[in-house]
Amino acid sequence: MKLLPTEDLLPDTTKTIICIVYSFGEKTPFSSIKFYTSKWLPLSIENPITANSDKLIIKPDTMDIELFDELRDYLMPLYVSASLSETNNVITMKASPQGTVPIDNKSKCLNYIIKQISIEWDGKTFK
């Protein structure tokens, strides 16, 4: 949980947003992110996981498209693990390989397409 400053005055007359990252699972960790006012009223702020999911799987220049497509299929549906920084207003996210990924030479390349990203709170959303 993190208290985030906002530029907008919220319905509860504060300028603080509560951000909570709920995380589940060990083999295939995944998270959800929720935002609330200081009175625990849900806020409709764009979900950082949904907004940045296209940045979590990247095709390396040296990988052929067939291998990339096959590896990407191992990650679908996309599970994302997220964590809030203890020191600043940053969320770090990474795609989580599922437990059903076969162990073979191709699957060893999976880490080459998974990109960890960090996004920072700008007062209105995480970018």
N, C-alpha and C. Protein backbone atom coordinates (compact mmCIF):
# COMPACT_ATOMS: atom_id res chain seq x y z
N MET A 1 0.84 -1.17 0.00
CA MET A 1 0.00 0.00 0.00
C MET A 1 0.89 1.24 0.00
N LYS A 2 0.43 2.25 -0.72
CA LYS A 2 1.20 3.49 -0.80
C LYS A 2 0.22 4.65 -0.89
N LEU A 3 0.55 5.74 -0.22
CA LEU A 3 -0.22 6.97 -0.34
C LEU A 3 0.42 7.82 -1.42
N LEU A 4 -0.37 8.18 -2.42
CA LEU A 4 0.15 8.93 -3.56
C LEU A 4 -0.45 10.33 -3.58
N PRO A 5 0.37 11.34 -3.84
CA PRO A 5 -0.17 12.70 -3.95
C PRO A 5 -0.89 12.86 -5.29
N THR A 6 -1.92 13.67 -5.28
CA THR A 6 -2.62 13.97 -6.53
C THR A 6 -2.81 15.47 -6.66
N GLU A 7 -2.90 15.94 -7.87
CA GLU A 7 -3.11 17.36 -8.12
C GLU A 7 -4.58 17.74 -7.97
N ASP A 8 -5.46 16.73 -8.09
CA ASP A 8 -6.90 16.98 -8.05
C ASP A 8 -7.45 16.81 -6.64
N LEU A 9 -8.43 17.63 -6.30
CA LEU A 9 -9.12 17.48 -5.03
C LEU A 9 -10.13 16.34 -5.20
N LEU A 10 -10.03 15.33 -4.36
CA LEU A 10 -10.89 14.15 -4.47
C LEU A 10 -12.23 14.39 -3.77
N PRO A 11 -13.21 13.51 -4.00
CA PRO A 11 -14.53 13.66 -3.37
C PRO A 11 -14.47 13.73 -1.84
N ASP A 12 -13.45 13.12 -1.24
CA ASP A 12 -13.35 13.16 0.22
C ASP A 12 -12.54 14.38 0.70
N THR A 13 -12.35 15.35 -0.18
CA THR A 13 -11.67 16.63 0.06
C THR A 13 -10.21 16.48 0.48
N THR A 14 -9.56 15.46 -0.03
CA THR A 14 -8.12 15.30 0.20
C THR A 14 -7.41 15.29 -1.15
N LYS A 15 -6.12 15.35 -1.10
CA LYS A 15 -5.30 15.25 -2.30
C LYS A 15 -4.35 14.06 -2.17
N THR A 16 -4.87 12.96 -1.60
CA THR A 16 -4.09 11.75 -1.43
C THR A 16 -4.88 10.55 -1.93
N ILE A 17 -4.21 9.71 -2.72
CA ILE A 17 -4.80 8.49 -3.26
C ILE A 17 -4.12 7.30 -2.58
N ILE A 18 -4.92 6.31 -2.22
CA ILE A 18 -4.37 5.06 -1.69
C ILE A 18 -4.22 4.10 -2.85
N CYS A 19 -3.02 3.60 -3.05
CA CYS A 19 -2.75 2.61 -4.10
C CYS A 19 -2.38 1.30 -3.42
N ILE A 20 -3.07 0.23 -3.79
CA ILE A 20 -2.80 -1.09 -3.22
C ILE A 20 -2.50 -2.06 -4.35
N VAL A 21 -1.40 -2.79 -4.19
CA VAL A 21 -1.05 -3.87 -5.12
C VAL A 21 -1.35 -5.18 -4.41
N TYR A 22 -2.31 -5.92 -4.94
CA TYR A 22 -2.65 -7.24 -4.43
C TYR A 22 -1.87 -8.25 -5.27
N SER A 23 -1.13 -9.14 -4.62
CA SER A 23 -0.35 -10.14 -5.35
C SER A 23 -0.73 -11.53 -4.84
N PHE A 24 -0.76 -12.48 -5.78
CA PHE A 24 -1.16 -13.84 -5.49
C PHE A 24 -0.22 -14.82 -6.21
N GLY A 25 -0.12 -16.02 -5.68
CA GLY A 25 0.57 -17.10 -6.36
C GLY A 25 2.07 -17.13 -6.12
N GLU A 26 2.61 -18.34 -6.20
CA GLU A 26 4.04 -18.52 -6.07
C GLU A 26 4.66 -18.97 -7.39
N LYS A 27 4.07 -20.03 -7.99
CA LYS A 27 4.60 -20.55 -9.25
C LYS A 27 4.45 -19.55 -10.38
N THR A 28 3.25 -18.99 -10.47
CA THR A 28 2.95 -17.97 -11.46
C THR A 28 2.38 -16.76 -10.73
N PRO A 29 3.26 -15.90 -10.22
CA PRO A 29 2.74 -14.75 -9.46
C PRO A 29 1.99 -13.78 -10.37
N PHE A 30 0.90 -13.24 -9.85
CA PHE A 30 0.18 -12.21 -10.59
C PHE A 30 -0.38 -11.20 -9.61
N SER A 31 -0.63 -10.02 -10.10
CA SER A 31 -1.04 -8.91 -9.25
C SER A 31 -2.22 -8.17 -9.85
N SER A 32 -2.91 -7.43 -8.99
CA SER A 32 -3.90 -6.47 -9.43
C SER A 32 -3.65 -5.18 -8.64
N ILE A 33 -3.99 -4.07 -9.24
CA ILE A 33 -3.73 -2.77 -8.64
C ILE A 33 -5.05 -2.02 -8.52
N LYS A 34 -5.31 -1.51 -7.32
CA LYS A 34 -6.55 -0.78 -7.06
C LYS A 34 -6.23 0.57 -6.43
N PHE A 35 -7.10 1.54 -6.68
CA PHE A 35 -6.94 2.90 -6.16
C PHE A 35 -8.18 3.29 -5.36
N TYR A 36 -7.95 3.99 -4.23
CA TYR A 36 -9.04 4.39 -3.36
C TYR A 36 -8.80 5.80 -2.84
N THR A 37 -9.89 6.45 -2.40
CA THR A 37 -9.77 7.71 -1.67
C THR A 37 -9.37 7.37 -0.24
N SER A 38 -9.12 8.39 0.57
CA SER A 38 -8.76 8.14 1.96
C SER A 38 -9.94 7.59 2.78
N LYS A 39 -11.14 7.63 2.20
CA LYS A 39 -12.32 7.04 2.85
C LYS A 39 -12.66 5.69 2.22
N TRP A 40 -11.72 5.13 1.49
CA TRP A 40 -11.82 3.80 0.87
C TRP A 40 -12.92 3.70 -0.19
N LEU A 41 -13.17 4.81 -0.87
CA LEU A 41 -14.07 4.79 -2.02
C LEU A 41 -13.23 4.46 -3.24
N PRO A 42 -13.64 3.49 -4.06
CA PRO A 42 -12.84 3.12 -5.24
C PRO A 42 -12.74 4.29 -6.23
N LEU A 43 -11.58 4.43 -6.82
CA LEU A 43 -11.35 5.46 -7.85
C LEU A 43 -11.18 4.78 -9.20
N SER A 44 -11.67 5.42 -10.24
CA SER A 44 -11.54 4.86 -11.59
C SER A 44 -10.31 5.46 -12.27
N ILE A 45 -9.17 4.99 -11.84
CA ILE A 45 -7.89 5.39 -12.45
C ILE A 45 -7.46 4.24 -13.35
N GLU A 46 -6.92 4.58 -14.51
CA GLU A 46 -6.50 3.56 -15.47
C GLU A 46 -5.58 2.54 -14.81
N ASN A 47 -5.88 1.27 -15.04
CA ASN A 47 -5.09 0.18 -14.48
C ASN A 47 -3.69 0.16 -15.11
N PRO A 48 -2.63 0.33 -14.33
CA PRO A 48 -1.28 0.35 -14.90
C PRO A 48 -0.88 -0.95 -15.58
N ILE A 49 -1.42 -2.07 -15.12
CA ILE A 49 -1.08 -3.35 -15.75
C ILE A 49 -1.66 -3.41 -17.16
N THR A 50 -2.93 -3.08 -17.29
CA THR A 50 -3.59 -3.08 -18.59
C THR A 50 -2.94 -2.06 -19.53
N ALA A 51 -2.67 -0.88 -19.00
CA ALA A 51 -2.13 0.20 -19.82
C ALA A 51 -0.72 -0.08 -20.33
N ASN A 52 0.02 -0.95 -19.65
CA ASN A 52 1.42 -1.20 -20.02
C ASN A 52 1.71 -2.63 -20.43
N SER A 53 0.68 -3.45 -20.60
CA SER A 53 0.91 -4.86 -20.92
C SER A 53 1.66 -5.06 -22.23
N ASP A 54 1.49 -4.15 -23.19
CA ASP A 54 2.19 -4.28 -24.46
C ASP A 54 3.70 -4.02 -24.34
N LYS A 55 4.14 -3.48 -23.22
CA LYS A 55 5.57 -3.19 -23.02
C LYS A 55 6.29 -4.31 -22.28
N LEU A 56 5.56 -5.34 -21.86
CA LEU A 56 6.13 -6.40 -21.03
C LEU A 56 6.68 -7.58 -21.82
N ILE A 57 6.28 -7.71 -23.07
CA ILE A 57 6.78 -8.78 -23.93
C ILE A 57 7.34 -8.12 -25.19
N ILE A 58 8.62 -8.29 -25.40
CA ILE A 58 9.32 -7.60 -26.49
C ILE A 58 10.06 -8.61 -27.36
N LYS A 59 9.95 -8.47 -28.67
CA LYS A 59 10.68 -9.33 -29.60
C LYS A 59 12.10 -8.79 -29.80
N PRO A 60 13.11 -9.58 -29.41
CA PRO A 60 14.49 -9.14 -29.67
C PRO A 60 14.76 -9.09 -31.18
N ASP A 61 15.62 -8.19 -31.60
CA ASP A 61 15.94 -8.04 -33.03
C ASP A 61 16.49 -9.33 -33.63
N THR A 62 17.19 -10.10 -32.84
CA THR A 62 17.86 -11.30 -33.38
C THR A 62 16.99 -12.55 -33.36
N MET A 63 15.76 -12.45 -32.86
CA MET A 63 14.88 -13.62 -32.76
C MET A 63 13.92 -13.65 -33.94
N ASP A 64 13.76 -14.84 -34.54
CA ASP A 64 12.82 -14.92 -35.66
C ASP A 64 11.39 -14.89 -35.13
N ILE A 65 10.48 -14.43 -35.97
CA ILE A 65 9.10 -14.17 -35.57
C ILE A 65 8.38 -15.45 -35.15
N GLU A 66 8.70 -16.59 -35.77
CA GLU A 66 8.03 -17.85 -35.42
C GLU A 66 8.35 -18.25 -33.98
N LEU A 67 9.62 -18.14 -33.59
CA LEU A 67 10.01 -18.48 -32.23
C LEU A 67 9.38 -17.49 -31.25
N PHE A 68 9.40 -16.22 -31.60
CA PHE A 68 8.81 -15.21 -30.73
C PHE A 68 7.32 -15.49 -30.50
N ASP A 69 6.59 -15.77 -31.57
CA ASP A 69 5.16 -16.06 -31.45
C ASP A 69 4.90 -17.27 -30.57
N GLU A 70 5.73 -18.30 -30.73
CA GLU A 70 5.57 -19.51 -29.93
C GLU A 70 5.83 -19.21 -28.44
N LEU A 71 6.89 -18.46 -28.17
CA LEU A 71 7.21 -18.11 -26.78
C LEU A 71 6.15 -17.20 -26.17
N ARG A 72 5.65 -16.26 -26.96
CA ARG A 72 4.60 -15.36 -26.47
C ARG A 72 3.34 -16.15 -26.11
N ASP A 73 3.04 -17.18 -26.89
CA ASP A 73 1.88 -18.01 -26.61
C ASP A 73 2.00 -18.70 -25.24
N TYR A 74 3.24 -19.01 -24.82
CA TYR A 74 3.46 -19.61 -23.50
C TYR A 74 3.04 -18.65 -22.38
N LEU A 75 3.03 -17.36 -22.65
CA LEU A 75 2.72 -16.35 -21.64
C LEU A 75 1.25 -15.95 -21.64
N MET A 76 0.44 -16.53 -22.52
CA MET A 76 -0.96 -16.16 -22.61
C MET A 76 -1.83 -17.18 -21.90
N PRO A 77 -2.82 -16.77 -21.13
CA PRO A 77 -3.12 -15.38 -20.83
C PRO A 77 -2.01 -14.74 -20.02
N LEU A 78 -1.86 -13.45 -20.16
CA LEU A 78 -0.76 -12.73 -19.54
C LEU A 78 -1.00 -12.51 -18.06
N TYR A 79 -0.09 -13.06 -17.26
CA TYR A 79 -0.09 -12.80 -15.81
C TYR A 79 1.06 -11.84 -15.53
N VAL A 80 0.78 -10.82 -14.75
CA VAL A 80 1.78 -9.79 -14.47
C VAL A 80 1.96 -9.68 -12.96
N SER A 81 3.21 -9.73 -12.52
CA SER A 81 3.49 -9.47 -11.11
C SER A 81 3.93 -8.01 -10.99
N ALA A 82 3.47 -7.36 -9.93
CA ALA A 82 3.78 -5.95 -9.72
C ALA A 82 4.17 -5.72 -8.27
N SER A 83 4.99 -4.70 -8.07
CA SER A 83 5.37 -4.32 -6.70
C SER A 83 5.54 -2.81 -6.63
N LEU A 84 5.20 -2.27 -5.48
CA LEU A 84 5.37 -0.84 -5.22
C LEU A 84 6.72 -0.61 -4.56
N SER A 85 7.41 0.41 -5.00
CA SER A 85 8.68 0.77 -4.37
C SER A 85 8.43 1.28 -2.96
N GLU A 86 9.33 0.94 -2.05
CA GLU A 86 9.21 1.43 -0.68
C GLU A 86 9.70 2.87 -0.56
N THR A 87 10.55 3.30 -1.50
CA THR A 87 11.20 4.61 -1.36
C THR A 87 10.62 5.70 -2.25
N ASN A 88 9.98 5.35 -3.36
CA ASN A 88 9.41 6.38 -4.22
C ASN A 88 8.11 5.89 -4.85
N ASN A 89 7.46 6.71 -5.63
CA ASN A 89 6.15 6.40 -6.20
C ASN A 89 6.28 5.67 -7.54
N VAL A 90 6.83 4.47 -7.48
CA VAL A 90 7.12 3.68 -8.67
C VAL A 90 6.54 2.28 -8.50
N ILE A 91 5.95 1.78 -9.58
CA ILE A 91 5.51 0.38 -9.65
C ILE A 91 6.43 -0.33 -10.64
N THR A 92 6.92 -1.49 -10.24
CA THR A 92 7.73 -2.34 -11.13
C THR A 92 6.87 -3.54 -11.51
N MET A 93 6.84 -3.85 -12.82
CA MET A 93 6.01 -4.93 -13.33
C MET A 93 6.81 -5.85 -14.23
N LYS A 94 6.39 -7.12 -14.24
CA LYS A 94 7.05 -8.12 -15.08
C LYS A 94 6.05 -9.22 -15.41
N ALA A 95 6.07 -9.71 -16.64
CA ALA A 95 5.22 -10.82 -17.03
C ALA A 95 5.69 -12.08 -16.31
N SER A 96 4.74 -12.92 -15.91
CA SER A 96 5.05 -14.15 -15.17
C SER A 96 4.80 -15.36 -16.06
N PRO A 97 5.85 -16.15 -16.34
CA PRO A 97 5.62 -17.39 -17.10
C PRO A 97 4.71 -18.33 -16.31
N GLN A 98 3.84 -19.00 -17.02
CA GLN A 98 2.90 -19.91 -16.37
C GLN A 98 3.58 -21.24 -16.06
N GLY A 99 3.04 -21.96 -15.13
CA GLY A 99 3.59 -23.25 -14.74
C GLY A 99 3.49 -24.30 -15.81
N THR A 100 2.72 -24.04 -16.88
CA THR A 100 2.52 -25.04 -17.94
C THR A 100 3.54 -24.91 -19.07
N VAL A 101 4.54 -24.06 -18.91
CA VAL A 101 5.54 -23.89 -19.96
C VAL A 101 6.39 -25.15 -20.02
N PRO A 102 6.48 -25.80 -21.20
CA PRO A 102 7.31 -27.01 -21.30
C PRO A 102 8.79 -26.66 -21.13
N ILE A 103 9.52 -27.58 -20.54
CA ILE A 103 10.95 -27.36 -20.36
C ILE A 103 11.66 -27.95 -21.57
N ASP A 104 12.10 -27.08 -22.45
CA ASP A 104 12.85 -27.50 -23.63
C ASP A 104 13.78 -26.36 -24.02
N ASN A 105 14.51 -26.53 -25.10
CA ASN A 105 15.48 -25.50 -25.51
C ASN A 105 14.79 -24.19 -25.85
N LYS A 106 13.60 -24.25 -26.42
CA LYS A 106 12.88 -23.03 -26.79
C LYS A 106 12.47 -22.26 -25.55
N SER A 107 11.96 -22.96 -24.55
CA SER A 107 11.46 -22.26 -23.36
C SER A 107 12.59 -21.57 -22.59
N LYS A 108 13.83 -22.01 -22.81
CA LYS A 108 14.96 -21.33 -22.17
C LYS A 108 15.12 -19.91 -22.70
N CYS A 109 14.55 -19.63 -23.87
CA CYS A 109 14.62 -18.30 -24.48
C CYS A 109 13.53 -17.37 -23.93
N LEU A 110 12.64 -17.89 -23.11
CA LEU A 110 11.51 -17.10 -22.63
C LEU A 110 11.94 -15.82 -21.94
N ASN A 111 12.99 -15.88 -21.15
CA ASN A 111 13.45 -14.68 -20.43
C ASN A 111 13.95 -13.59 -21.37
N TYR A 112 14.28 -13.94 -22.61
CA TYR A 112 14.74 -12.93 -23.57
C TYR A 112 13.61 -12.04 -24.07
N ILE A 113 12.36 -12.49 -23.95
CA ILE A 113 11.24 -11.68 -24.45
C ILE A 113 10.48 -10.98 -23.32
N ILE A 114 10.77 -11.36 -22.07
CA ILE A 114 10.10 -10.73 -20.92
C ILE A 114 10.91 -9.52 -20.49
N LYS A 115 10.23 -8.38 -20.45
CA LYS A 115 10.89 -7.14 -20.06
C LYS A 115 10.27 -6.61 -18.77
N GLN A 116 11.10 -6.37 -17.79
CA GLN A 116 10.63 -5.73 -16.56
C GLN A 116 10.60 -4.23 -16.78
N ILE A 117 9.51 -3.60 -16.37
CA ILE A 117 9.41 -2.14 -16.52
C ILE A 117 9.08 -1.50 -15.18
N SER A 118 9.47 -0.27 -15.03
CA SER A 118 9.11 0.53 -13.87
C SER A 118 8.41 1.79 -14.37
N ILE A 119 7.30 2.12 -13.74
CA ILE A 119 6.53 3.29 -14.13
C ILE A 119 6.33 4.17 -12.90
N GLU A 120 6.32 5.47 -13.12
CA GLU A 120 6.28 6.42 -12.01
C GLU A 120 4.96 7.17 -11.97
N TRP A 121 4.50 7.45 -10.78
CA TRP A 121 3.28 8.21 -10.55
C TRP A 121 3.54 9.68 -10.90
N ASP A 122 2.67 10.28 -11.73
CA ASP A 122 2.85 11.67 -12.13
C ASP A 122 1.84 12.62 -11.49
N GLY A 123 1.10 12.13 -10.52
CA GLY A 123 0.08 12.94 -9.86
C GLY A 123 -1.32 12.60 -10.34
N LYS A 124 -1.43 11.89 -11.47
CA LYS A 124 -2.73 11.49 -12.00
C LYS A 124 -2.77 10.01 -12.38
N THR A 125 -1.64 9.50 -12.85
CA THR A 125 -1.57 8.11 -13.29
C THR A 125 -0.11 7.63 -13.26
N PHE A 126 0.08 6.34 -13.45
CA PHE A 126 1.43 5.80 -13.56
C PHE A 126 1.85 5.81 -15.03
N LYS A 127 3.03 6.37 -15.32
CA LYS A 127 3.54 6.44 -16.69
C LYS A 127 4.95 5.94 -16.74
